[in-house]
PDB file of N, CA and C in Angstrom:
ATOM      1  N   MET A   1     132.072 156.659 127.657  1.00  0.00           N
ATOM      2  CA  MET A   1     131.001 157.022 126.747  1.00  0.00           C
ATOM      3  C   MET A   1     131.383 156.717 125.307  1.00  0.00           C
ATOM      4  N   ALA A   2     132.629 157.060 124.941  1.00  0.00           N
ATOM      5  CA  ALA A   2     133.096 156.760 123.589  1.00  0.00           C
ATOM      6  C   ALA A   2     133.129 155.254 123.372  1.00  0.00           C
ATOM      7  N   SER A   3     133.438 154.513 124.435  1.00  0.00           N
ATOM      8  CA  SER A   3     133.465 153.055 124.355  1.00  0.00           C
ATOM      9  C   SER A   3     132.066 152.514 124.058  1.00  0.00           C
ATOM     10  N   ASP A   4     131.056 153.041 124.746  1.00  0.00           N
ATOM     11  CA  ASP A   4     129.675 152.624 124.507  1.00  0.00           C
ATOM     12  C   ASP A   4     129.261 152.922 123.077  1.00  0.00           C
ATOM     13  N   HIS A   5     129.684 154.079 122.587  1.00  0.00           N
ATOM     14  CA  HIS A   5     129.367 154.460 121.208  1.00  0.00           C
ATOM     15  C   HIS A   5     130.005 153.479 120.234  1.00  0.00           C
ATOM     16  N   SER A   6     131.234 153.079 120.494  1.00  0.00           N
ATOM     17  CA  SER A   6     131.930 152.139 119.616  1.00  0.00           C
ATOM     18  C   SER A   6     131.241 150.778 119.613  1.00  0.00           C
ATOM     19  N   VAL A   7     130.802 150.341 120.786  1.00  0.00           N
ATOM     20  CA  VAL A   7     130.105 149.060 120.887  1.00  0.00           C
ATOM     21  C   VAL A   7     128.793 149.122 120.122  1.00  0.00           C
ATOM     22  N   LEU A   8     128.042 150.192 120.310  1.00  0.00           N
ATOM     23  CA  LEU A   8     126.775 150.359 119.605  1.00  0.00           C
ATOM     24  C   LEU A   8     126.998 150.405 118.101  1.00  0.00           C
ATOM     25  N   GLU A   9     128.007 151.133 117.680  1.00  0.00           N
ATOM     26  CA  GLU A   9     128.320 151.227 116.255  1.00  0.00           C
ATOM     27  C   GLU A   9     128.668 149.852 115.690  1.00  0.00           C
ATOM     28  N   ALA A  10     129.431 149.067 116.434  1.00  0.00           N
ATOM     29  CA  ALA A  10     129.796 147.722 115.988  1.00  0.00           C
ATOM     30  C   ALA A  10     128.565 146.825 115.889  1.00  0.00           C
ATOM     31  N   GLN A  11     127.634 146.969 116.841  1.00  0.00           N
ATOM     32  CA  GLN A  11     126.412 146.164 116.811  1.00  0.00           C
ATOM     33  C   GLN A  11     125.536 146.534 115.621  1.00  0.00           C
ATOM     34  N   VAL A  12     125.408 147.820 115.354  1.00  0.00           N
ATOM     35  CA  VAL A  12     124.618 148.265 114.202  1.00  0.00           C
ATOM     36  C   VAL A  12     125.251 147.759 112.913  1.00  0.00           C
ATOM     37  N   TYR A  13     126.566 147.838 112.827  1.00  0.00           N
ATOM     38  CA  TYR A  13     127.269 147.338 111.643  1.00  0.00           C
ATOM     39  C   TYR A  13     127.011 145.844 111.474  1.00  0.00           C
ATOM     40  N   ARG A  14     127.052 145.094 112.566  1.00  0.00           N
ATOM     41  CA  ARG A  14     126.831 143.641 112.497  1.00  0.00           C
ATOM     42  C   ARG A  14     125.408 143.337 112.046  1.00  0.00           C
ATOM     43  N   ILE A  15     124.435 144.089 112.539  1.00  0.00           N
ATOM     44  CA  ILE A  15     123.045 143.896 112.109  1.00  0.00           C
ATOM     45  C   ILE A  15     122.915 144.146 110.612  1.00  0.00           C
ATOM     46  N   LEU A  16     123.525 145.219 110.141  1.00  0.00           N
ATOM     47  CA  LEU A  16     123.479 145.517 108.708  1.00  0.00           C
ATOM     48  C   LEU A  16     124.167 144.425 107.901  1.00  0.00           C
ATOM     49  N   GLN A  17     125.266 143.906 108.419  1.00  0.00           N
ATOM     50  CA  GLN A  17     125.981 142.833 107.733  1.00  0.00           C
ATOM     51  C   GLN A  17     125.127 141.564 107.672  1.00  0.00           C
ATOM     52  N   LEU A  18     124.443 141.255 108.768  1.00  0.00           N
ATOM     53  CA  LEU A  18     123.555 140.092 108.777  1.00  0.00           C
ATOM     54  C   LEU A  18     122.415 140.263 107.773  1.00  0.00           C
ATOM     55  N   PHE A  19     121.880 141.470 107.692  1.00  0.00           N
ATOM     56  CA  PHE A  19     120.827 141.746 106.719  1.00  0.00           C
ATOM     57  C   PHE A  19     121.343 141.517 105.302  1.00  0.00           C
ATOM     58  N   ASP A  20     122.548 142.011 105.016  1.00  0.00           N
ATOM     59  CA  ASP A  20     123.146 141.793 103.694  1.00  0.00           C
ATOM     60  C   ASP A  20     123.375 140.311 103.426  1.00  0.00           C
ATOM     61  N   ASP A  21     123.823 139.577 104.443  1.00  0.00           N
ATOM     62  CA  ASP A  21     124.033 138.135 104.291  1.00  0.00           C
ATOM     63  C   ASP A  21     122.724 137.426 103.964  1.00  0.00           C
ATOM     64  N   LEU A  22     121.647 137.804 104.659  1.00  0.00           N
ATOM     65  CA  LEU A  22     120.340 137.207 104.379  1.00  0.00           C
ATOM     66  C   LEU A  22     119.860 137.549 102.976  1.00  0.00           C
ATOM     67  N   ARG A  23     120.084 138.764 102.564  1.00  0.00           N
ATOM     68  CA  ARG A  23     119.671 139.159 101.211  1.00  0.00           C
ATOM     69  C   ARG A  23     120.425 138.360 100.163  1.00  0.00           C
ATOM     70  N   GLN A  24     121.709 138.125 100.399  1.00  0.00           N
ATOM     71  CA  GLN A  24     122.490 137.327  99.451  1.00  0.00           C
ATOM     72  C   GLN A  24     122.020 135.879  99.445  1.00  0.00           C
ATOM     73  N   TYR A  25     121.681 135.364 100.624  1.00  0.00           N
ATOM     74  CA  TYR A  25     121.245 133.975 100.727  1.00  0.00           C
ATOM     75  C   TYR A  25     119.885 133.768 100.072  1.00  0.00           C
ATOM     76  N   PHE A  26     118.935 134.646 100.368  1.00  0.00           N
ATOM     77  CA  PHE A  26     117.580 134.500  99.858  1.00  0.00           C
ATOM     78  C   PHE A  26     117.358 135.201  98.525  1.00  0.00           C
ATOM     79  N   GLY A  27     118.297 135.989  98.106  1.00  0.00           N
ATOM     80  CA  GLY A  27     118.139 136.763  96.891  1.00  0.00           C
ATOM     81  C   GLY A  27     117.725 138.184  97.223  1.00  0.00           C
ATOM     82  N   SER A  28     117.752 139.022  96.250  1.00  0.00           N
ATOM     83  CA  SER A  28     117.503 140.443  96.487  1.00  0.00           C
ATOM     84  C   SER A  28     116.041 140.738  96.804  1.00  0.00           C
ATOM     85  N   THR A  29     115.193 139.716  96.736  1.00  0.00           N
ATOM     86  CA  THR A  29     113.764 139.961  96.960  1.00  0.00           C
ATOM     87  C   THR A  29     113.385 140.016  98.434  1.00  0.00           C
ATOM     88  N   ILE A  30     114.288 139.632  99.322  1.00  0.00           N
ATOM     89  CA  ILE A  30     113.940 139.636 100.745  1.00  0.00           C
ATOM     90  C   ILE A  30     113.800 141.074 101.241  1.00  0.00           C
ATOM     91  N   SER A  31     112.771 141.297 102.004  1.00  0.00           N
ATOM     92  CA  SER A  31     112.508 142.642 102.518  1.00  0.00           C
ATOM     93  C   SER A  31     112.882 142.709 103.998  1.00  0.00           C
ATOM     94  N   PRO A  32     113.038 143.916 104.518  1.00  0.00           N
ATOM     95  CA  PRO A  32     113.308 144.045 105.955  1.00  0.00           C
ATOM     96  C   PRO A  32     112.227 143.381 106.810  1.00  0.00           C
ATOM     97  N   THR A  33     110.984 143.422 106.360  1.00  0.00           N
ATOM     98  CA  THR A  33     109.896 142.785 107.099  1.00  0.00           C
ATOM     99  C   THR A  33     110.120 141.283 107.199  1.00  0.00           C
ATOM    100  N   GLU A  34     110.569 140.681 106.107  1.00  0.00           N
ATOM    101  CA  GLU A  34     110.844 139.241 106.122  1.00  0.00           C
ATOM    102  C   GLU A  34     112.022 138.919 107.037  1.00  0.00           C
ATOM    103  N   VAL A  35     113.018 139.788 107.051  1.00  0.00           N
ATOM    104  CA  VAL A  35     114.164 139.586 107.943  1.00  0.00           C
ATOM    105  C   VAL A  35     113.690 139.604 109.388  1.00  0.00           C
ATOM    106  N   PHE A  36     112.835 140.560 109.733  1.00  0.00           N
ATOM    107  CA  PHE A  36     112.333 140.640 111.097  1.00  0.00           C
ATOM    108  C   PHE A  36     111.429 139.453 111.426  1.00  0.00           C
ATOM    109  N   SER A  37     110.709 138.926 110.438  1.00  0.00           N
ATOM    110  CA  SER A  37     109.897 137.730 110.664  1.00  0.00           C
ATOM    111  C   SER A  37     110.780 136.537 110.998  1.00  0.00           C
ATOM    112  N   VAL A  38     111.877 136.394 110.264  1.00  0.00           N
ATOM    113  CA  VAL A  38     112.835 135.319 110.546  1.00  0.00           C
ATOM    114  C   VAL A  38     113.427 135.517 111.936  1.00  0.00           C
ATOM    115  N   ALA A  39     113.763 136.749 112.270  1.00  0.00           N
ATOM    116  CA  ALA A  39     114.325 137.039 113.592  1.00  0.00           C
ATOM    117  C   ALA A  39     113.324 136.688 114.692  1.00  0.00           C
ATOM    118  N   ASP A  40     112.049 137.008 114.485  1.00  0.00           N
ATOM    119  CA  ASP A  40     111.014 136.660 115.467  1.00  0.00           C
ATOM    120  C   ASP A  40     110.916 135.150 115.655  1.00  0.00           C
ATOM    121  N   LEU A  41     110.996 134.414 114.548  1.00  0.00           N
ATOM    122  CA  LEU A  41     110.954 132.955 114.638  1.00  0.00           C
ATOM    123  C   LEU A  41     112.152 132.420 115.410  1.00  0.00           C
ATOM    124  N   LEU A  42     113.321 132.991 115.173  1.00  0.00           N
ATOM    125  CA  LEU A  42     114.519 132.555 115.888  1.00  0.00           C
ATOM    126  C   LEU A  42     114.409 132.841 117.381  1.00  0.00           C
ATOM    127  N   VAL A  43     113.841 133.989 117.723  1.00  0.00           N
ATOM    128  CA  VAL A  43     113.630 134.313 119.141  1.00  0.00           C
ATOM    129  C   VAL A  43     112.661 133.307 119.762  1.00  0.00           C
ATOM    130  N   ASP A  44     111.585 132.981 119.045  1.00  0.00           N
ATOM    131  CA  ASP A  44     110.630 131.994 119.546  1.00  0.00           C
ATOM    132  C   ASP A  44     111.299 130.639 119.748  1.00  0.00           C
ATOM    133  N   LEU A  45     112.116 130.224 118.785  1.00  0.00           N
ATOM    134  CA  LEU A  45     112.824 128.951 118.907  1.00  0.00           C
ATOM    135  C   LEU A  45     113.773 128.962 120.096  1.00  0.00           C
ATOM    136  N   HIS A  46     114.428 130.079 120.308  1.00  0.00           N
ATOM    137  CA  HIS A  46     115.346 130.209 121.442  1.00  0.00           C
ATOM    138  C   HIS A  46     114.587 130.070 122.759  1.00  0.00           C
ATOM    139  N   GLU A  47     113.429 130.724 122.854  1.00  0.00           N
ATOM    140  CA  GLU A  47     112.618 130.641 124.071  1.00  0.00           C
ATOM    141  C   GLU A  47     112.114 129.219 124.305  1.00  0.00           C
ATOM    142  N   ILE A  48     111.712 128.545 123.236  1.00  0.00           N
ATOM    143  CA  ILE A  48     111.252 127.157 123.355  1.00  0.00           C
ATOM    144  C   ILE A  48     112.398 126.260 123.811  1.00  0.00           C
ATOM    145  N   ALA A  49     113.574 126.467 123.234  1.00  0.00           N
ATOM    146  CA  ALA A  49     114.743 125.669 123.616  1.00  0.00           C
ATOM    147  C   ALA A  49     115.096 125.891 125.085  1.00  0.00           C
ATOM    148  N   ASN A  50     115.061 127.132 125.531  1.00  0.00           N
ATOM    149  CA  ASN A  50     115.355 127.423 126.940  1.00  0.00           C
ATOM    150  C   ASN A  50     114.335 126.774 127.869  1.00  0.00           C
ATOM    151  N   ALA A  51     113.067 126.851 127.511  1.00  0.00           N
ATOM    152  CA  ALA A  51     112.024 126.239 128.336  1.00  0.00           C
ATOM    153  C   ALA A  51     112.201 124.722 128.382  1.00  0.00           C
ATOM    154  N   THR A  52     112.553 124.127 127.248  1.00  0.00           N
ATOM    155  CA  THR A  52     112.784 122.684 127.195  1.00  0.00           C
ATOM    156  C   THR A  52     113.955 122.290 128.075  1.00  0.00           C
ATOM    157  N   LEU A  53     115.032 123.065 128.019  1.00  0.00           N
ATOM    158  CA  LEU A  53     116.197 122.781 128.855  1.00  0.00           C
ATOM    159  C   LEU A  53     115.867 122.905 130.340  1.00  0.00           C
ATOM    160  N   GLU A  54     115.030 123.860 130.693  1.00  0.00           N
ATOM    161  CA  GLU A  54     114.620 124.009 132.093  1.00  0.00           C
ATOM    162  C   GLU A  54     113.843 122.785 132.564  1.00  0.00           C
ATOM    163  N   VAL A  55     112.947 122.282 131.718  1.00  0.00           N
ATOM    164  CA  VAL A  55     112.167 121.095 132.073  1.00  0.00           C
ATOM    165  C   VAL A  55     113.091 119.888 132.221  1.00  0.00           C
ATOM    166  N   ILE A  56     114.021 119.724 131.290  1.00  0.00           N
ATOM    167  CA  ILE A  56     114.969 118.606 131.364  1.00  0.00           C
ATOM    168  C   ILE A  56     115.813 118.717 132.626  1.00  0.00           C
ATOM    169  N   SER A  57     116.292 119.912 132.912  1.00  0.00           N
ATOM    170  CA  SER A  57     117.114 120.127 134.103  1.00  0.00           C
ATOM    171  C   SER A  57     116.339 119.796 135.369  1.00  0.00           C
ATOM    172  N   LEU A  58     115.099 120.246 135.438  1.00  0.00           N
ATOM    173  CA  LEU A  58     114.259 119.951 136.600  1.00  0.00           C
ATOM    174  C   LEU A  58     114.011 118.453 136.724  1.00  0.00           C
ATOM    175  N   SER A  59     113.768 117.790 135.600  1.00  0.00           N
ATOM    176  CA  SER A  59     113.538 116.345 135.615  1.00  0.00           C
ATOM    177  C   SER A  59     114.773 115.594 136.089  1.00  0.00           C
ATOM    178  N   VAL A  60     115.931 115.981 135.595  1.00  0.00           N
ATOM    179  CA  VAL A  60     117.178 115.331 136.002  1.00  0.00           C
ATOM    180  C   VAL A  60     117.431 115.567 137.485  1.00  0.00           C
ATOM    181  N   THR A  61     117.209 116.784 137.942  1.00  0.00           N
ATOM    182  CA  THR A  61     117.388 117.095 139.362  1.00  0.00           C
ATOM    183  C   THR A  61     116.447 116.255 140.219  1.00  0.00           C
ATOM    184  N   THR A  62     115.206 116.120 139.782  1.00  0.00           N
ATOM    185  CA  THR A  62     114.229 115.308 140.510  1.00  0.00           C
ATOM    186  C   THR A  62     114.671 113.850 140.560  1.00  0.00           C
ATOM    187  N   LEU A  63     115.160 113.336 139.430  1.00  0.00           N
ATOM    188  CA  LEU A  63     115.634 111.951 139.397  1.00  0.00           C
ATOM    189  C   LEU A  63     116.836 111.747 140.309  1.00  0.00           C
ATOM    190  N   ILE A  64     117.749 112.690 140.305  1.00  0.00           N
ATOM    191  CA  ILE A  64     118.936 112.593 141.161  1.00  0.00           C
ATOM    192  C   ILE A  64     118.529 112.631 142.630  1.00  0.00           C
ATOM    193  N   ASP A  65     117.622 113.544 142.965  1.00  0.00           N
ATOM    194  CA  ASP A  65     117.146 113.636 144.352  1.00  0.00           C
ATOM    195  C   ASP A  65     116.437 112.349 144.776  1.00  0.00           C
ATOM    196  N   ALA A  66     115.630 111.789 143.879  1.00  0.00           N
ATOM    197  CA  ALA A  66     114.906 110.556 144.194  1.00  0.00           C
ATOM    198  C   ALA A  66     115.876 109.389 144.365  1.00  0.00           C
ATOM    199  N   ALA A  67     116.905 109.348 143.548  1.00  0.00           N
ATOM    200  CA  ALA A  67     117.888 108.266 143.643  1.00  0.00           C
ATOM    201  C   ALA A  67     118.719 108.382 144.914  1.00  0.00           C
ATOM    202  N   ALA A  68     118.905 109.594 145.392  1.00  0.00           N
ATOM    203  CA  ALA A  68     119.712 109.814 146.593  1.00  0.00           C
ATOM    204  C   ALA A  68     118.973 109.409 147.861  1.00  0.00           C
ATOM    205  N   GLU A  69     117.647 109.329 147.791  1.00  0.00           N
ATOM    206  CA  GLU A  69     116.851 108.988 148.987  1.00  0.00           C
ATOM    207  C   GLU A  69     116.846 107.541 149.269  1.00  0.00           C
TER     208      GLU A  69
END
């Protein structure tokens, strides 16, 4: 249980550190809402990248199967 607490504490600290890094990069005018908007965009990009990789993987598998026949 103490281990879980330590992990959670480390994750919260890292999130706060990332927020501070973004504020330094964009200037002090960045708001938490803007940080979450950027995070949402990154999640969307990650999902798009994963979907693209799945399509590529399926295409390559199909080509390999077709070549083997």
